[in-house]
C-alpha atoms as a PDB file:
ATOM      1  CA  UNK A   1     -21.123  -4.294  35.976  1.00  0.00           C
ATOM      2  CA  UNK A   2     -20.646  -7.527  34.619  1.00  0.00           C
ATOM      3  CA  UNK A   3     -16.672  -7.987  33.592  1.00  0.00           C
ATOM      4  CA  UNK A   4     -16.849  -9.500  29.607  1.00  0.00           C
ATOM      5  CA  UNK A   5     -13.014  -9.762  29.062  1.00  0.00           C
ATOM      6  CA  UNK A   6     -11.125  -9.105  32.403  1.00  0.00           C
ATOM      7  CA  UNK A   7      -7.175  -8.862  31.455  1.00  0.00           C
ATOM      8  CA  UNK A   8      -5.068  -8.732  34.584  1.00  0.00           C
ATOM      9  CA  UNK A   9      -1.374  -7.761  34.498  1.00  0.00           C
ATOM     10  CA  UNK A  10      -1.518  -9.318  31.772  1.00  0.00           C
ATOM     11  CA  UNK A  11       2.138 -10.263  29.767  1.00  0.00           C
ATOM     12  CA  UNK A  12       3.563 -11.833  27.024  1.00  0.00           C
ATOM     13  CA  UNK A  13       7.233 -13.102  26.309  1.00  0.00           C
ATOM     14  CA  UNK A  14       8.030 -15.344  23.040  1.00  0.00           C
ATOM     15  CA  UNK A  15      10.959 -17.663  22.816  1.00  0.00           C
ATOM     16  CA  UNK A  16      14.444 -15.957  23.137  1.00  0.00           C
ATOM     17  CA  UNK A  17      12.825 -13.571  26.401  1.00  0.00           C
ATOM     18  CA  UNK A  18      11.429 -11.063  23.572  1.00  0.00           C
ATOM     19  CA  UNK A  19       9.091  -8.824  25.231  1.00  0.00           C
ATOM     20  CA  UNK A  20       6.124  -8.533  23.333  1.00  0.00           C
ATOM     21  CA  UNK A  21       3.314  -6.972  25.927  1.00  0.00           C
ATOM     22  CA  UNK A  22       4.473  -5.645  29.170  1.00  0.00           C
ATOM     23  CA  UNK A  23       1.497  -5.640  32.105  1.00  0.00           C
ATOM     24  CA  UNK A  24      -1.682  -4.799  30.671  1.00  0.00           C
ATOM     25  CA  UNK A  25      -4.861  -4.479  33.013  1.00  0.00           C
ATOM     26  CA  UNK A  26      -7.847  -3.606  30.752  1.00  0.00           C
ATOM     27  CA  UNK A  27     -11.715  -4.409  31.557  1.00  0.00           C
ATOM     28  CA  UNK A  28     -14.028  -4.798  28.456  1.00  0.00           C
ATOM     29  CA  UNK A  29     -18.086  -5.186  30.186  1.00  0.00           C
ATOM     30  CA  UNK A  30     -21.054  -6.329  28.204  1.00  0.00           C
ATOM     31  CA  UNK A  31     -23.280  -3.773  29.761  1.00  0.00           C
ATOM     32  CA  UNK A  32     -21.435  -0.554  28.257  1.00  0.00           C
ATOM     33  CA  UNK A  33     -19.909  -1.005  25.058  1.00  0.00           C
ATOM     34  CA  UNK A  34     -16.964   0.818  23.773  1.00  0.00           C
ATOM     35  CA  UNK A  35     -14.797   1.353  20.712  1.00  0.00           C
ATOM     36  CA  UNK A  36     -11.081   1.420  21.973  1.00  0.00           C
ATOM     37  CA  UNK A  37      -8.411   1.731  19.227  1.00  0.00           C
ATOM     38  CA  UNK A  38      -5.161  -0.068  20.175  1.00  0.00           C
ATOM     39  CA  UNK A  39      -1.980   2.090  18.049  1.00  0.00           C
ATOM     40  CA  UNK A  40       1.439   2.020  17.699  1.00  0.00           C
ATOM     41  CA  UNK A  41       3.843   0.919  15.255  1.00  0.00           C
ATOM     42  CA  UNK A  42       4.962  -2.822  14.513  1.00  0.00           C
ATOM     43  CA  UNK A  43       6.248  -4.275  16.891  1.00  0.00           C
ATOM     44  CA  UNK A  44       4.886  -2.610  20.025  1.00  0.00           C
ATOM     45  CA  UNK A  45       2.625  -5.401  21.285  1.00  0.00           C
ATOM     46  CA  UNK A  46      -0.995  -4.403  19.491  1.00  0.00           C
ATOM     47  CA  UNK A  47      -1.128  -7.799  17.847  1.00  0.00           C
ATOM     48  CA  UNK A  48      -0.046  -9.834  20.784  1.00  0.00           C
ATOM     49  CA  UNK A  49      -3.051  -7.884  23.047  1.00  0.00           C
ATOM     50  CA  UNK A  50      -5.566  -9.204  20.487  1.00  0.00           C
ATOM     51  CA  UNK A  51      -4.347 -12.756  20.004  1.00  0.00           C
ATOM     52  CA  UNK A  52      -4.176 -13.156  24.398  1.00  0.00           C
ATOM     53  CA  UNK A  53      -7.376 -11.500  24.184  1.00  0.00           C
ATOM     54  CA  UNK A  54      -8.999 -13.893  21.937  1.00  0.00           C
ATOM     55  CA  UNK A  55      -7.227 -16.987  23.249  1.00  0.00           C
ATOM     56  CA  UNK A  56      -5.037 -18.033  20.918  1.00  0.00           C
ATOM     57  CA  UNK A  57      -1.622 -17.532  22.660  1.00  0.00           C
ATOM     58  CA  UNK A  58      -1.716 -18.068  26.970  1.00  0.00           C
ATOM     59  CA  UNK A  59      -0.310 -15.217  28.799  1.00  0.00           C
ATOM     60  CA  UNK A  60       2.780 -15.271  30.347  1.00  0.00           C
ATOM     61  CA  UNK A  61       1.533 -13.542  33.338  1.00  0.00           C
ATOM     62  CA  UNK A  62      -1.495 -12.478  34.632  1.00  0.00           C
ATOM     63  CA  UNK A  63      -4.571 -13.844  33.620  1.00  0.00           C
ATOM     64  CA  UNK A  64      -7.542 -12.946  30.903  1.00  0.00           C
ATOM     65  CA  UNK A  65     -10.574 -14.228  32.010  1.00  0.00           C
ATOM     66  CA  UNK A  66     -14.316 -14.074  30.859  1.00  0.00           C
ATOM     67  CA  UNK A  67     -17.201 -13.306  32.457  1.00  0.00           C
ATOM     68  CA  UNK A  68     -15.314 -14.320  35.356  1.00  0.00           C
ATOM     69  CA  UNK A  69     -13.365 -17.690  34.244  1.00  0.00           C
ATOM     70  CA  UNK A  70      -9.903 -17.939  32.651  1.00  0.00           C
ATOM     71  CA  UNK A  71      -9.518 -17.834  29.428  1.00  0.00           C
ATOM     72  CA  UNK A  72      -6.990 -20.990  28.876  1.00  0.00           C
ATOM     73  CA  UNK A  73      -9.017 -23.300  31.004  1.00  0.00           C
ATOM     74  CA  UNK A  74     -12.680 -22.950  29.460  1.00  0.00           C
ATOM     75  CA  UNK A  75     -14.844 -25.683  29.555  1.00  0.00           C
ATOM     76  CA  UNK A  76     -15.979 -26.835  25.662  1.00  0.00           C
ATOM     77  CA  UNK A  77     -19.383 -25.224  26.816  1.00  0.00           C
ATOM     78  CA  UNK A  78     -17.893 -22.276  27.973  1.00  0.00           C
ATOM     79  CA  UNK A  79     -15.341 -21.648  24.877  1.00  0.00           C
ATOM     80  CA  UNK A  80     -18.541 -22.045  22.497  1.00  0.00           C
ATOM     81  CA  UNK A  81     -19.972 -19.079  24.418  1.00  0.00           C
ATOM     82  CA  UNK A  82     -16.742 -16.820  24.281  1.00  0.00           C
ATOM     83  CA  UNK A  83     -16.748 -18.051  20.350  1.00  0.00           C
ATOM     84  CA  UNK A  84     -20.228 -16.690  20.451  1.00  0.00           C
ATOM     85  CA  UNK A  85     -19.594 -13.805  22.417  1.00  0.00           C
ATOM     86  CA  UNK A  86     -16.644 -12.303  20.860  1.00  0.00           C
ATOM     87  CA  UNK A  87     -15.633 -12.111  17.465  1.00  0.00           C
ATOM     88  CA  UNK A  88     -12.772 -11.191  15.607  1.00  0.00           C
ATOM     89  CA  UNK A  89     -11.844  -9.959  11.909  1.00  0.00           C
ATOM     90  CA  UNK A  90      -8.548 -10.218  10.832  1.00  0.00           C
ATOM     91  CA  UNK A  91      -5.747  -8.027   8.891  1.00  0.00           C
ATOM     92  CA  UNK A  92      -5.800 -11.018   5.576  1.00  0.00           C
ATOM     93  CA  UNK A  93      -9.300 -11.959   4.959  1.00  0.00           C
ATOM     94  CA  UNK A  94      -7.892 -14.038   2.109  1.00  0.00           C
ATOM     95  CA  UNK A  95      -6.189 -16.164   4.553  1.00  0.00           C
ATOM     96  CA  UNK A  96      -9.662 -17.088   6.259  1.00  0.00           C
ATOM     97  CA  UNK A  97     -10.869 -18.478   3.082  1.00  0.00           C
ATOM     98  CA  UNK A  98     -10.385 -22.064   2.001  1.00  0.00           C
ATOM     99  CA  UNK A  99     -10.097 -21.370  -1.980  1.00  0.00           C
ATOM    100  CA  UNK A 100     -11.791 -24.838  -2.639  1.00  0.00           C
ATOM    101  CA  UNK A 101     -15.649 -23.795  -0.859  1.00  0.00           C
ATOM    102  CA  UNK A 102     -17.493 -20.921  -2.350  1.00  0.00           C
ATOM    103  CA  UNK A 103     -17.493 -18.012  -0.009  1.00  0.00           C
ATOM    104  CA  UNK A 104     -20.828 -19.346   0.988  1.00  0.00           C
ATOM    105  CA  UNK A 105     -19.323 -21.553   3.469  1.00  0.00           C
ATOM    106  CA  UNK A 106     -17.430 -18.922   5.733  1.00  0.00           C
ATOM    107  CA  UNK A 107     -21.348 -17.669   6.266  1.00  0.00           C
ATOM    108  CA  UNK A 108     -23.393 -20.665   6.308  1.00  0.00           C
ATOM    109  CA  UNK A 109     -21.157 -22.770   8.996  1.00  0.00           C
ATOM    110  CA  UNK A 110     -21.408 -19.960  11.906  1.00  0.00           C
ATOM    111  CA  UNK A 111     -25.461 -20.555  11.331  1.00  0.00           C
ATOM    112  CA  UNK A 112     -25.562 -24.234  11.415  1.00  0.00           C
ATOM    113  CA  UNK A 113     -22.791 -24.381  14.558  1.00  0.00           C
ATOM    114  CA  UNK A 114     -24.753 -22.087  16.441  1.00  0.00           C
ATOM    115  CA  UNK A 115     -28.185 -23.065  15.227  1.00  0.00           C
ATOM    116  CA  UNK A 116     -29.198 -19.701  14.531  1.00  0.00           C
ATOM    117  CA  UNK A 117     -31.806 -20.418  12.466  1.00  0.00           C
ATOM    118  CA  UNK A 118     -34.648 -22.772  12.274  1.00  0.00           C
ATOM    119  CA  UNK A 119     -34.315 -23.654   8.672  1.00  0.00           C
ATOM    120  CA  UNK A 120     -32.463 -23.065   5.498  1.00  0.00           C
ATOM    121  CA  UNK A 121     -34.457 -20.361   4.035  1.00  0.00           C
ATOM    122  CA  UNK A 122     -34.226 -18.473   7.250  1.00  0.00           C
ATOM    123  CA  UNK A 123     -30.485 -18.666   7.411  1.00  0.00           C
ATOM    124  CA  UNK A 124     -30.234 -17.331   4.021  1.00  0.00           C
ATOM    125  CA  UNK A 125     -32.403 -14.443   5.648  1.00  0.00           C
ATOM    126  CA  UNK A 126     -29.809 -14.112   8.227  1.00  0.00           C
ATOM    127  CA  UNK A 127     -27.116 -14.225   5.615  1.00  0.00           C
ATOM    128  CA  UNK A 128     -28.218 -11.661   3.272  1.00  0.00           C
ATOM    129  CA  UNK A 129     -29.106  -9.068   5.566  1.00  0.00           C
ATOM    130  CA  UNK A 130     -25.868  -9.088   7.549  1.00  0.00           C
ATOM    131  CA  UNK A 131     -24.279  -8.458   3.670  1.00  0.00           C
ATOM    132  CA  UNK A 132     -26.284  -5.637   3.242  1.00  0.00           C
ATOM    133  CA  UNK A 133     -25.496  -4.392   6.424  1.00  0.00           C
ATOM    134  CA  UNK A 134     -21.924  -4.260   4.958  1.00  0.00           C
ATOM    135  CA  UNK A 135     -22.615  -2.696   1.831  1.00  0.00           C
ATOM    136  CA  UNK A 136     -23.075  -5.796  -0.256  1.00  0.00           C
ATOM    137  CA  UNK A 137     -25.792  -6.868  -2.498  1.00  0.00           C
ATOM    138  CA  UNK A 138     -26.190 -10.907  -1.694  1.00  0.00           C
ATOM    139  CA  UNK A 139     -26.450 -12.093  -5.519  1.00  0.00           C
ATOM    140  CA  UNK A 140     -23.653 -10.374  -6.170  1.00  0.00           C
ATOM    141  CA  UNK A 141     -21.637 -12.379  -3.560  1.00  0.00           C
ATOM    142  CA  UNK A 142     -22.750 -15.527  -2.807  1.00  0.00           C
ATOM    143  CA  UNK A 143     -22.043 -18.343  -5.067  1.00  0.00           C
ATOM    144  CA  UNK A 144     -18.482 -17.243  -5.625  1.00  0.00           C
ATOM    145  CA  UNK A 145     -15.129 -18.161  -4.816  1.00  0.00           C
ATOM    146  CA  UNK A 146     -12.864 -16.013  -2.431  1.00  0.00           C
ATOM    147  CA  UNK A 147     -10.393 -14.813  -5.790  1.00  0.00           C
ATOM    148  CA  UNK A 148     -13.136 -13.591  -7.995  1.00  0.00           C
ATOM    149  CA  UNK A 149     -13.718 -11.118  -5.188  1.00  0.00           C
ATOM    150  CA  UNK A 150     -11.547  -8.221  -4.207  1.00  0.00           C
ATOM    151  CA  UNK A 151     -10.057  -7.696  -0.874  1.00  0.00           C
ATOM    152  CA  UNK A 152     -12.539  -5.596   0.161  1.00  0.00           C
ATOM    153  CA  UNK A 153     -15.266  -7.537  -0.783  1.00  0.00           C
ATOM    154  CA  UNK A 154     -13.311 -10.417   1.235  1.00  0.00           C
ATOM    155  CA  UNK A 155     -13.276  -8.584   4.244  1.00  0.00           C
ATOM    156  CA  UNK A 156     -17.188  -7.261   4.127  1.00  0.00           C
ATOM    157  CA  UNK A 157     -17.975 -11.081   4.240  1.00  0.00           C
ATOM    158  CA  UNK A 158     -16.057 -11.333   6.998  1.00  0.00           C
ATOM    159  CA  UNK A 159     -17.790  -8.257   9.064  1.00  0.00           C
ATOM    160  CA  UNK A 160     -21.133  -9.337   8.535  1.00  0.00           C
ATOM    161  CA  UNK A 161     -20.331 -12.807   9.773  1.00  0.00           C
ATOM    162  CA  UNK A 162     -19.146 -11.239  12.571  1.00  0.00           C
ATOM    163  CA  UNK A 163     -22.599  -9.618  12.568  1.00  0.00           C
ATOM    164  CA  UNK A 164     -24.725 -12.824  12.080  1.00  0.00           C
ATOM    165  CA  UNK A 165     -23.959 -13.950  15.929  1.00  0.00           C
ATOM    166  CA  UNK A 166     -24.673 -10.246  17.278  1.00  0.00           C
ATOM    167  CA  UNK A 167     -21.562 -10.383  19.397  1.00  0.00           C
ATOM    168  CA  UNK A 168     -20.538  -8.145  22.734  1.00  0.00           C
ATOM    169  CA  UNK A 169     -17.546  -7.799  21.068  1.00  0.00           C
ATOM    170  CA  UNK A 170     -15.459  -7.723  17.830  1.00  0.00           C
ATOM    171  CA  UNK A 171     -11.470  -7.464  17.618  1.00  0.00           C
ATOM    172  CA  UNK A 172     -10.801  -6.113  14.693  1.00  0.00           C
ATOM    173  CA  UNK A 173      -7.022  -6.734  13.560  1.00  0.00           C
ATOM    174  CA  UNK A 174      -5.517  -3.878  10.876  1.00  0.00           C
ATOM    175  CA  UNK A 175      -8.869  -4.553   9.311  1.00  0.00           C
ATOM    176  CA  UNK A 176      -8.382  -2.046   6.684  1.00  0.00           C
ATOM    177  CA  UNK A 177      -4.465  -1.988   6.254  1.00  0.00           C
ATOM    178  CA  UNK A 178      -4.708  -4.391   3.147  1.00  0.00           C
ATOM    179  CA  UNK A 179      -7.828  -2.552   1.079  1.00  0.00           C
ATOM    180  CA  UNK A 180      -7.325   0.798  -0.799  1.00  0.00           C
ATOM    181  CA  UNK A 181      -8.765   3.634   0.447  1.00  0.00           C
ATOM    182  CA  UNK A 182     -12.087   3.661  -1.209  1.00  0.00           C
ATOM    183  CA  UNK A 183     -13.028   1.090   0.945  1.00  0.00           C
ATOM    184  CA  UNK A 184     -11.485   2.327   4.326  1.00  0.00           C
ATOM    185  CA  UNK A 185     -14.199   4.358   4.952  1.00  0.00           C
ATOM    186  CA  UNK A 186     -16.803   1.894   4.381  1.00  0.00           C
ATOM    187  CA  UNK A 187     -15.568  -1.400   6.166  1.00  0.00           C
ATOM    188  CA  UNK A 188     -14.905   1.325   9.691  1.00  0.00           C
ATOM    189  CA  UNK A 189     -18.331   2.520   8.901  1.00  0.00           C
ATOM    190  CA  UNK A 190     -20.031  -0.832   9.085  1.00  0.00           C
ATOM    191  CA  UNK A 191     -18.173  -1.054  12.277  1.00  0.00           C
ATOM    192  CA  UNK A 192     -18.922   1.992  13.931  1.00  0.00           C
ATOM    193  CA  UNK A 193     -22.521   1.303  12.625  1.00  0.00           C
ATOM    194  CA  UNK A 194     -22.783  -1.801  14.709  1.00  0.00           C
ATOM    195  CA  UNK A 195     -20.710  -0.130  17.586  1.00  0.00           C
ATOM    196  CA  UNK A 196     -23.751   2.016  17.578  1.00  0.00           C
ATOM    197  CA  UNK A 197     -27.012   0.432  16.315  1.00  0.00           C
ATOM    198  CA  UNK A 198     -26.302  -3.167  18.054  1.00  0.00           C
ATOM    199  CA  UNK A 199     -24.484  -1.881  21.522  1.00  0.00           C
ATOM    200  CA  UNK A 200     -21.057  -4.044  20.026  1.00  0.00           C
ATOM    201  CA  UNK A 201     -17.541  -3.127  21.583  1.00  0.00           C
ATOM    202  CA  UNK A 202     -15.215  -2.881  18.960  1.00  0.00           C
ATOM    203  CA  UNK A 203     -11.101  -3.050  19.918  1.00  0.00           C
ATOM    204  CA  UNK A 204      -9.645  -1.605  16.495  1.00  0.00           C
ATOM    205  CA  UNK A 205      -5.874  -2.398  16.295  1.00  0.00           C
ATOM    206  CA  UNK A 206      -4.226  -0.178  13.965  1.00  0.00           C
ATOM    207  CA  UNK A 207      -1.324   1.858  13.599  1.00  0.00           C
ATOM    208  CA  UNK A 208      -2.797   4.392  11.702  1.00  0.00           C
ATOM    209  CA  UNK A 209      -3.458   6.753  13.986  1.00  0.00           C
ATOM    210  CA  UNK A 210      -6.021   8.843  11.991  1.00  0.00           C
ATOM    211  CA  UNK A 211      -7.944   6.197  10.957  1.00  0.00           C
ATOM    212  CA  UNK A 212      -8.227   5.686  14.568  1.00  0.00           C
ATOM    213  CA  UNK A 213      -9.037   9.063  15.336  1.00  0.00           C
ATOM    214  CA  UNK A 214     -12.099   8.637  12.463  1.00  0.00           C
ATOM    215  CA  UNK A 215     -13.525   6.540  14.460  1.00  0.00           C
ATOM    216  CA  UNK A 216     -12.909   5.658  17.874  1.00  0.00           C
ATOM    217  CA  UNK A 217     -13.891   6.914  20.863  1.00  0.00           C
ATOM    218  CA  UNK A 218     -10.893   6.341  23.206  1.00  0.00           C
ATOM    219  CA  UNK A 219      -7.479   5.471  22.307  1.00  0.00           C
ATOM    220  CA  UNK A 220      -4.722   3.138  23.753  1.00  0.00           C
ATOM    221  CA  UNK A 221      -1.000   4.193  22.750  1.00  0.00           C
ATOM    222  CA  UNK A 222       1.336   1.224  22.572  1.00  0.00           C
ATOM    223  CA  UNK A 223       5.215   1.634  22.075  1.00  0.00           C
ATOM    224  CA  UNK A 224       7.038  -1.629  23.038  1.00  0.00           C
ATOM    225  CA  UNK A 225       4.867  -4.005  24.780  1.00  0.00           C
ATOM    226  CA  UNK A 226       3.942  -0.963  27.380  1.00  0.00           C
ATOM    227  CA  UNK A 227       1.020   1.804  27.125  1.00  0.00           C
ATOM    228  CA  UNK A 228       2.296   5.365  26.636  1.00  0.00           C
ATOM    229  CA  UNK A 229      -0.557   7.545  26.313  1.00  0.00           C
ATOM    230  CA  UNK A 230      -4.445   6.540  26.700  1.00  0.00           C
ATOM    231  CA  UNK A 231      -7.417   8.183  27.259  1.00  0.00           C
ATOM    232  CA  UNK A 232     -10.503  10.028  24.762  1.00  0.00           C
ATOM    233  CA  UNK A 233      -9.379  10.199  21.658  1.00  0.00           C
ATOM    234  CA  UNK A 234      -9.427  14.449  20.840  1.00  0.00           C
ATOM    235  CA  UNK A 235      -7.525  14.925  23.973  1.00  0.00           C
ATOM    236  CA  UNK A 236      -4.617  12.237  23.057  1.00  0.00           C
ATOM    237  CA  UNK A 237      -4.616  12.941  19.385  1.00  0.00           C
ATOM    238  CA  UNK A 238      -5.316  16.742  19.778  1.00  0.00           C
ATOM    239  CA  UNK A 239      -3.855  17.682  22.630  1.00  0.00           C
ATOM    240  CA  UNK A 240      -0.619  14.562  22.839  1.00  0.00           C
ATOM    241  CA  UNK A 241       1.388  14.601  25.946  1.00  0.00           C
ATOM    242  CA  UNK A 242       3.888  11.736  25.611  1.00  0.00           C
ATOM    243  CA  UNK A 243       6.690  12.237  23.226  1.00  0.00           C
ATOM    244  CA  UNK A 244       5.925   8.873  21.267  1.00  0.00           C
ATOM    245  CA  UNK A 245       2.849  10.003  20.964  1.00  0.00           C
ATOM    246  CA  UNK A 246       3.241  13.485  19.395  1.00  0.00           C
ATOM    247  CA  UNK A 247       5.902  11.626  17.034  1.00  0.00           C
ATOM    248  CA  UNK A 248       2.965   9.743  15.699  1.00  0.00           C
ATOM    249  CA  UNK A 249       1.052  13.050  14.856  1.00  0.00           C
ATOM    250  CA  UNK A 250       3.859  14.762  13.517  1.00  0.00           C
ATOM    251  CA  UNK A 251       4.591  11.733  11.417  1.00  0.00           C
ATOM    252  CA  UNK A 252       0.844  11.510  10.044  1.00  0.00           C
ATOM    253  CA  UNK A 253       1.727  13.203   5.934  1.00  0.00           C
ATOM    254  CA  UNK A 254      -0.247  16.298   5.332  1.00  0.00           C
ATOM    255  CA  UNK A 255      -1.794  17.755   2.130  1.00  0.00           C
ATOM    256  CA  UNK A 256       1.508  20.170   1.252  1.00  0.00           C
ATOM    257  CA  UNK A 257       4.527  20.422  -0.883  1.00  0.00           C
ATOM    258  CA  UNK A 258       6.996  20.651   1.853  1.00  0.00           C
ATOM    259  CA  UNK A 259       7.846  17.905   3.840  1.00  0.00           C
ATOM    260  CA  UNK A 260       6.837  18.970   7.715  1.00  0.00           C
ATOM    261  CA  UNK A 261       6.562  15.453   9.829  1.00  0.00           C
ATOM    262  CA  UNK A 262       8.540  15.304  12.377  1.00  0.00           C
ATOM    263  CA  UNK A 263      11.884  13.025  12.240  1.00  0.00           C
ATOM    264  CA  UNK A 264      12.452   9.803  13.783  1.00  0.00           C
ATOM    265  CA  UNK A 265      15.830  10.174  14.492  1.00  0.00           C
ATOM    266  CA  UNK A 266      17.480   8.803  17.881  1.00  0.00           C
ATOM    267  CA  UNK A 267      19.746  11.804  19.888  1.00  0.00           C
ATOM    268  CA  UNK A 268      23.266  11.360  19.267  1.00  0.00           C
ATOM    269  CA  UNK A 269      25.049   9.297  22.072  1.00  0.00           C
ATOM    270  CA  UNK A 270      22.139   7.678  23.589  1.00  0.00           C
ATOM    271  CA  UNK A 271      21.284   4.318  23.522  1.00  0.00           C
ATOM    272  CA  UNK A 272      17.993   2.383  24.114  1.00  0.00           C
ATOM    273  CA  UNK A 273      17.198   1.726  27.699  1.00  0.00           C
ATOM    274  CA  UNK A 274      16.365  -1.577  28.952  1.00  0.00           C
ATOM    275  CA  UNK A 275      15.781  -0.296  32.917  1.00  0.00           C
ATOM    276  CA  UNK A 276      13.922   3.302  32.236  1.00  0.00           C
ATOM    277  CA  UNK A 277      11.351   5.044  29.839  1.00  0.00           C
ATOM    278  CA  UNK A 278      10.950   2.538  26.570  1.00  0.00           C
ATOM    279  CA  UNK A 279      11.386   5.713  24.829  1.00  0.00           C
ATOM    280  CA  UNK A 280      14.102   7.454  26.388  1.00  0.00           C
ATOM    281  CA  UNK A 281      16.930   6.797  23.395  1.00  0.00           C
ATOM    282  CA  UNK A 282      14.713   8.484  20.755  1.00  0.00           C
ATOM    283  CA  UNK A 283      12.727  11.140  23.220  1.00  0.00           C
ATOM    284  CA  UNK A 284      14.464  15.294  23.028  1.00  0.00           C
ATOM    285  CA  UNK A 285      13.410  15.651  25.985  1.00  0.00           C
ATOM    286  CA  UNK A 286      14.867  12.536  28.140  1.00  0.00           C
ATOM    287  CA  UNK A 287      16.945  13.182  31.466  1.00  0.00           C
ATOM    288  CA  UNK A 288      19.380  10.745  33.236  1.00  0.00           C
ATOM    289  CA  UNK A 289      16.190  10.396  35.463  1.00  0.00           C
ATOM    290  CA  UNK A 290      14.134   8.950  32.491  1.00  0.00           C
ATOM    291  CA  UNK A 291      17.397   6.507  31.982  1.00  0.00           C
ATOM    292  CA  UNK A 292      16.937   5.103  34.902  1.00  0.00           C
ATOM    293  CA  UNK A 293      13.344   4.548  36.526  1.00  0.00           C
ATOM    294  CA  UNK A 294      10.431   3.681  34.291  1.00  0.00           C
ATOM    295  CA  UNK A 295       7.429   6.133  34.399  1.00  0.00           C
ATOM    296  CA  UNK A 296       4.260   5.062  35.614  1.00  0.00           C
ATOM    297  CA  UNK A 297       0.872   6.135  33.958  1.00  0.00           C
ATOM    298  CA  UNK A 298       0.550  10.179  35.084  1.00  0.00           C
ATOM    299  CA  UNK A 299      -3.425  10.824  35.285  1.00  0.00           C
ATOM    300  CA  UNK A 300      -3.384  14.232  34.349  1.00  0.00           C
ATOM    301  CA  UNK A 301      -7.397  14.387  33.473  1.00  0.00           C
ATOM    302  CA  UNK A 302     -10.206  12.121  34.061  1.00  0.00           C
ATOM    303  CA  UNK A 303      -9.982  10.734  30.593  1.00  0.00           C
ATOM    304  CA  UNK A 304      -6.308  11.167  29.801  1.00  0.00           C
ATOM    305  CA  UNK A 305      -3.234   9.827  31.192  1.00  0.00           C
ATOM    306  CA  UNK A 306       0.698   9.800  30.109  1.00  0.00           C
ATOM    307  CA  UNK A 307       3.449   7.216  30.877  1.00  0.00           C
ATOM    308  CA  UNK A 308       5.995  10.602  30.760  1.00  0.00           C
ATOM    309  CA  UNK A 309       7.814  12.197  33.513  1.00  0.00           C
ATOM    310  CA  UNK A 310       6.784  15.656  31.886  1.00  0.00           C
ATOM    311  CA  UNK A 311       3.743  14.795  33.530  1.00  0.00           C
ATOM    312  CA  UNK A 312       5.124  13.948  36.905  1.00  0.00           C
ATOM    313  CA  UNK A 313       3.319  16.619  38.674  1.00  0.00           C
ATOM    314  CA  UNK A 314      -0.074  14.625  38.184  1.00  0.00           C
ATOM    315  CA  UNK A 315      -1.159  11.462  40.503  1.00  0.00           C
ATOM    316  CA  UNK A 316       0.238   8.415  39.459  1.00  0.00           C
ATOM    317  CA  UNK A 317      -2.420   5.480  38.956  1.00  0.00           C
ATOM    318  CA  UNK A 318      -1.918   1.405  38.595  1.00  0.00           C
ATOM    319  CA  UNK A 319      -2.155  -0.789  35.449  1.00  0.00           C
ATOM    320  CA  UNK A 320      -5.590  -1.702  36.776  1.00  0.00           C
ATOM    321  CA  UNK A 321      -7.038   1.550  36.310  1.00  0.00           C
ATOM    322  CA  UNK A 322      -6.507   1.997  32.573  1.00  0.00           C
ATOM    323  CA  UNK A 323     -10.051   0.749  32.318  1.00  0.00           C
ATOM    324  CA  UNK A 324     -11.721   4.096  33.384  1.00  0.00           C
ATOM    325  CA  UNK A 325     -10.122   6.192  31.139  1.00  0.00           C
ATOM    326  CA  UNK A 326     -11.738   4.249  28.557  1.00  0.00           C
ATOM    327  CA  UNK A 327     -15.146   4.319  29.918  1.00  0.00           C
END
């Protein structure tokens, strides 16, 4: 299988020594489409991972490769290929639009730049097909300015824009966090359909474990810049092994008159650990061993791994083996 994107021991440290992502390895192939959710709270490293994969920032350690070539050293022609194959849908769609242009501009620009059509009429037909595929009516969208459309409409236009190029990978960074609940299902269903019908891999970045469970096949749970748990979404969500994942699932509000979600209080007398498990200061099961040593990912099943010493009887795996959990 040929690697489309290959992250090898990728880490990112910002000014002041802030570690945003630490030693993540992940391979996405062109001939085996995947729908992977990357979940975690704010500051866990989700968006940093997305920005590294898109080439928007350079890694501090490790390399990100596109079809075998270092993403930071691509020629102009190769970078054009990369931009065709890897598309992004961001959290705030309004920032993508120039308010002085009609929304048509974000759709006609890739048609011209990548020569997707031989005539204006053919280009228009492509755009209308893409809009309809995400539940929009072209006659209600084209010719309008960004401020005349709702947030959900603007976001779906960006999904349609990505679809125009028929990419091999879409990186969707919190694509539904700024739209109301009624539109979340529409946008996520559109992404799922692109994956199933067109064979496009989706990397879905979110803090929302519930939507990740609804649409993804596999899941990576990040905590404080590192992988806490990963595997098939059914295993991870229905039988979480890492205490942090259990906390995330317990924090999902339920339809009940009682407050029954898990609290996040730090165990008394325990400060954050700089040398051991990153979750030790919040973990009710932490021992002195957890404070002194960082746990590896323990492979508890073919499609499930947890970075917790509670699973120490399972074989440890390297970061480079993470992709094999997500197939």
